[in-house]
Amino acid sequence: MPASELRKWTEYLRARPIGWREDQRTSLIMNAQGVKKKGHEIFPTLAAIQEWQDQREDEDVMRSTLSKSVFGAMLESANKK
């Protein structure tokens, strides 16, 4: 297996830890029974998913902010070369 594929699998498993589906299901059942906490506040696997999503959103905001700036235009022109 090439190192690049191994890195992609590592990123995938960090974003979607083993057992997250079961924890998600349990969280939904608990919420239906009246538990007020969100799933990522209870289960570490769901917290990892939430952290990964927050990180991606932060990166998207940063990219859109940079793309609107002069610095972003400079980076874009440098990447085209």
N, C-alpha and C. Protein backbone atom coordinates (compact mmCIF):
# COMPACT_ATOMS: atom_id res chain seq x y z
N MET A 1 0.86 -1.18 0.00
CA MET A 1 0.00 0.00 0.00
C MET A 1 0.91 1.24 0.00
N PRO A 2 0.67 2.16 -0.92
CA PRO A 2 1.46 3.38 -0.95
C PRO A 2 1.21 4.24 0.29
N ALA A 3 2.19 5.04 0.63
CA ALA A 3 2.08 5.91 1.81
C ALA A 3 0.92 6.88 1.67
N SER A 4 0.65 7.35 0.47
CA SER A 4 -0.46 8.30 0.28
C SER A 4 -1.80 7.65 0.61
N GLU A 5 -1.97 6.39 0.23
CA GLU A 5 -3.22 5.69 0.54
C GLU A 5 -3.34 5.45 2.05
N LEU A 6 -2.23 5.12 2.69
CA LEU A 6 -2.23 4.92 4.13
C LEU A 6 -2.63 6.21 4.85
N ARG A 7 -2.13 7.35 4.38
CA ARG A 7 -2.50 8.65 4.97
C ARG A 7 -4.00 8.92 4.80
N LYS A 8 -4.53 8.57 3.63
CA LYS A 8 -5.96 8.77 3.39
C LYS A 8 -6.80 7.89 4.31
N TRP A 9 -6.38 6.64 4.53
CA TRP A 9 -7.11 5.76 5.44
C TRP A 9 -7.03 6.28 6.87
N THR A 10 -5.88 6.79 7.25
CA THR A 10 -5.71 7.34 8.59
C THR A 10 -6.65 8.52 8.78
N GLU A 11 -6.73 9.39 7.79
CA GLU A 11 -7.63 10.55 7.86
C GLU A 11 -9.09 10.10 7.91
N TYR A 12 -9.42 9.10 7.12
CA TYR A 12 -10.79 8.59 7.11
C TYR A 12 -11.18 8.02 8.48
N LEU A 13 -10.31 7.20 9.05
CA LEU A 13 -10.62 6.59 10.34
C LEU A 13 -10.60 7.61 11.48
N ARG A 14 -9.84 8.69 11.32
CA ARG A 14 -9.88 9.75 12.32
C ARG A 14 -11.20 10.51 12.22
N ALA A 15 -11.69 10.67 11.01
CA ALA A 15 -12.95 11.39 10.81
C ALA A 15 -14.16 10.53 11.13
N ARG A 16 -14.05 9.23 10.96
CA ARG A 16 -15.16 8.31 11.21
C ARG A 16 -14.63 7.12 12.02
N PRO A 17 -14.48 7.31 13.33
CA PRO A 17 -13.93 6.22 14.17
C PRO A 17 -14.82 4.98 14.14
N ILE A 18 -14.19 3.85 14.35
CA ILE A 18 -14.91 2.58 14.39
C ILE A 18 -15.92 2.63 15.53
N GLY A 19 -17.16 2.26 15.25
CA GLY A 19 -18.21 2.22 16.25
C GLY A 19 -19.06 3.48 16.32
N TRP A 20 -18.81 4.45 15.44
CA TRP A 20 -19.56 5.70 15.52
C TRP A 20 -21.03 5.52 15.18
N ARG A 21 -21.34 4.59 14.30
CA ARG A 21 -22.74 4.38 13.93
C ARG A 21 -23.57 3.86 15.11
N GLU A 22 -22.99 2.94 15.85
CA GLU A 22 -23.69 2.42 17.02
C GLU A 22 -23.91 3.52 18.05
N ASP A 23 -22.89 4.36 18.24
CA ASP A 23 -23.01 5.47 19.18
C ASP A 23 -24.05 6.49 18.71
N GLN A 24 -24.11 6.71 17.41
CA GLN A 24 -25.10 7.64 16.86
C GLN A 24 -26.50 7.11 17.10
N ARG A 25 -26.69 5.82 16.84
CA ARG A 25 -28.00 5.20 17.07
C ARG A 25 -28.40 5.29 18.54
N THR A 26 -27.47 4.97 19.43
CA THR A 26 -27.74 5.03 20.87
C THR A 26 -28.07 6.46 21.29
N SER A 27 -27.36 7.42 20.73
CA SER A 27 -27.63 8.83 21.03
C SER A 27 -29.04 9.23 20.62
N LEU A 28 -29.46 8.79 19.44
CA LEU A 28 -30.81 9.10 18.98
C LEU A 28 -31.88 8.48 19.88
N ILE A 29 -31.63 7.26 20.31
CA ILE A 29 -32.57 6.60 21.22
C ILE A 29 -32.62 7.34 22.55
N MET A 30 -31.44 7.73 23.06
CA MET A 30 -31.40 8.46 24.33
C MET A 30 -32.13 9.80 24.22
N ASN A 31 -31.96 10.48 23.10
CA ASN A 31 -32.65 11.76 22.90
C ASN A 31 -34.16 11.56 22.82
N ALA A 32 -34.58 10.47 22.23
CA ALA A 32 -36.01 10.18 22.15
C ALA A 32 -36.60 9.88 23.53
N GLN A 33 -35.73 9.42 24.42
CA GLN A 33 -36.19 9.11 25.78
C GLN A 33 -36.04 10.30 26.72
N GLY A 34 -35.58 11.44 26.20
CA GLY A 34 -35.56 12.64 27.01
C GLY A 34 -34.20 13.16 27.44
N VAL A 35 -33.12 12.51 27.04
CA VAL A 35 -31.79 13.00 27.38
C VAL A 35 -31.53 14.27 26.58
N LYS A 36 -31.10 15.33 27.25
CA LYS A 36 -30.94 16.63 26.60
C LYS A 36 -29.57 16.83 25.95
N LYS A 37 -28.57 16.06 26.37
CA LYS A 37 -27.23 16.23 25.81
C LYS A 37 -27.18 15.74 24.37
N LYS A 38 -26.32 16.36 23.60
CA LYS A 38 -26.11 15.94 22.22
C LYS A 38 -25.14 14.75 22.21
N GLY A 39 -25.18 14.01 21.14
CA GLY A 39 -24.37 12.80 21.04
C GLY A 39 -22.89 13.05 21.21
N HIS A 40 -22.38 14.15 20.63
CA HIS A 40 -20.94 14.42 20.73
C HIS A 40 -20.52 14.84 22.13
N GLU A 41 -21.47 15.16 22.99
CA GLU A 41 -21.15 15.50 24.37
C GLU A 41 -21.04 14.24 25.23
N ILE A 42 -21.55 13.12 24.72
CA ILE A 42 -21.57 11.86 25.49
C ILE A 42 -20.54 10.87 24.97
N PHE A 43 -20.48 10.71 23.65
CA PHE A 43 -19.67 9.65 23.04
C PHE A 43 -18.40 10.23 22.40
N PRO A 44 -17.23 9.66 22.73
CA PRO A 44 -15.98 10.15 22.14
C PRO A 44 -15.92 10.00 20.62
N THR A 45 -16.54 8.95 20.08
CA THR A 45 -16.50 8.77 18.63
C THR A 45 -17.27 9.88 17.93
N LEU A 46 -18.39 10.28 18.48
CA LEU A 46 -19.17 11.37 17.88
C LEU A 46 -18.48 12.71 18.11
N ALA A 47 -17.76 12.84 19.22
CA ALA A 47 -16.99 14.07 19.46
C ALA A 47 -15.89 14.21 18.42
N ALA A 48 -15.26 13.09 18.03
CA ALA A 48 -14.22 13.13 16.99
C ALA A 48 -14.81 13.57 15.66
N ILE A 49 -16.00 13.08 15.34
CA ILE A 49 -16.65 13.48 14.09
C ILE A 49 -16.99 14.97 14.13
N GLN A 50 -17.52 15.44 15.25
CA GLN A 50 -17.87 16.85 15.38
C GLN A 50 -16.64 17.73 15.27
N GLU A 51 -15.54 17.31 15.89
CA GLU A 51 -14.29 18.06 15.81
C GLU A 51 -13.79 18.14 14.38
N TRP A 52 -13.87 17.02 13.66
CA TRP A 52 -13.43 16.98 12.26
C TRP A 52 -14.29 17.92 11.40
N GLN A 53 -15.61 17.91 11.64
CA GLN A 53 -16.50 18.79 10.88
C GLN A 53 -16.23 20.26 11.19
N ASP A 54 -16.00 20.57 12.47
CA ASP A 54 -15.68 21.95 12.85
C ASP A 54 -14.38 22.41 12.20
N GLN A 55 -13.40 21.52 12.18
CA GLN A 55 -12.11 21.84 11.57
C GLN A 55 -12.29 22.11 10.07
N ARG A 56 -13.09 21.30 9.39
CA ARG A 56 -13.33 21.51 7.97
C ARG A 56 -14.04 22.83 7.72
N GLU A 57 -15.02 23.15 8.57
CA GLU A 57 -15.73 24.43 8.43
C GLU A 57 -14.78 25.60 8.63
N ASP A 58 -13.87 25.49 9.61
CA ASP A 58 -12.89 26.55 9.84
C ASP A 58 -11.98 26.72 8.63
N GLU A 59 -11.57 25.59 8.03
CA GLU A 59 -10.72 25.65 6.84
C GLU A 59 -11.47 26.30 5.68
N ASP A 60 -12.76 25.97 5.52
CA ASP A 60 -13.55 26.55 4.44
C ASP A 60 -13.70 28.06 4.63
N VAL A 61 -13.92 28.49 5.87
CA VAL A 61 -14.03 29.94 6.15
C VAL A 61 -12.70 30.61 5.84
N MET A 62 -11.60 29.98 6.25
CA MET A 62 -10.29 30.56 6.01
C MET A 62 -10.03 30.67 4.50
N ARG A 63 -10.36 29.62 3.76
CA ARG A 63 -10.16 29.66 2.30
C ARG A 63 -10.99 30.75 1.64
N SER A 64 -12.24 30.89 2.05
CA SER A 64 -13.08 31.91 1.43
C SER A 64 -12.60 33.31 1.80
N THR A 65 -12.12 33.48 3.02
CA THR A 65 -11.58 34.78 3.43
C THR A 65 -10.32 35.10 2.65
N LEU A 66 -9.44 34.11 2.51
CA LEU A 66 -8.21 34.35 1.77
C LEU A 66 -8.49 34.61 0.30
N SER A 67 -9.46 33.93 -0.26
CA SER A 67 -9.74 34.10 -1.68
C SER A 67 -10.26 35.50 -1.97
N LYS A 68 -10.85 36.15 -0.98
CA LYS A 68 -11.38 37.50 -1.18
C LYS A 68 -10.31 38.57 -0.96
N SER A 69 -9.19 38.19 -0.43
CA SER A 69 -8.16 39.18 -0.12
C SER A 69 -7.14 39.28 -1.25
N VAL A 70 -6.33 40.30 -1.17
CA VAL A 70 -5.25 40.48 -2.14
C VAL A 70 -4.26 39.34 -2.01
N PHE A 71 -4.00 38.92 -0.77
CA PHE A 71 -3.08 37.82 -0.54
C PHE A 71 -3.60 36.55 -1.21
N GLY A 72 -4.89 36.33 -1.16
CA GLY A 72 -5.49 35.17 -1.80
C GLY A 72 -5.30 35.21 -3.31
N ALA A 73 -5.44 36.38 -3.88
CA ALA A 73 -5.22 36.52 -5.33
C ALA A 73 -3.77 36.22 -5.68
N MET A 74 -2.86 36.66 -4.82
CA MET A 74 -1.44 36.37 -5.05
C MET A 74 -1.17 34.87 -4.97
N LEU A 75 -1.75 34.22 -3.97
CA LEU A 75 -1.56 32.77 -3.83
C LEU A 75 -2.13 32.03 -5.03
N GLU A 76 -3.28 32.45 -5.48
CA GLU A 76 -3.91 31.80 -6.62
C GLU A 76 -3.07 31.95 -7.87
N SER A 77 -2.51 33.12 -8.10
CA SER A 77 -1.69 33.32 -9.28
C SER A 77 -0.38 32.55 -9.17
N ALA A 78 0.14 32.39 -7.95
CA ALA A 78 1.37 31.60 -7.77
C ALA A 78 1.10 30.12 -8.01
N ASN A 79 -0.08 29.65 -7.64
CA ASN A 79 -0.42 28.23 -7.82
C ASN A 79 -0.67 27.90 -9.29
N LYS A 80 -1.05 28.88 -10.09
CA LYS A 80 -1.32 28.64 -11.50
C LYS A 80 -0.04 28.46 -12.30
N LYS A 81 1.06 28.96 -11.80
CA LYS A 81 2.34 28.90 -12.54
C LYS A 81 2.92 27.53 -12.58
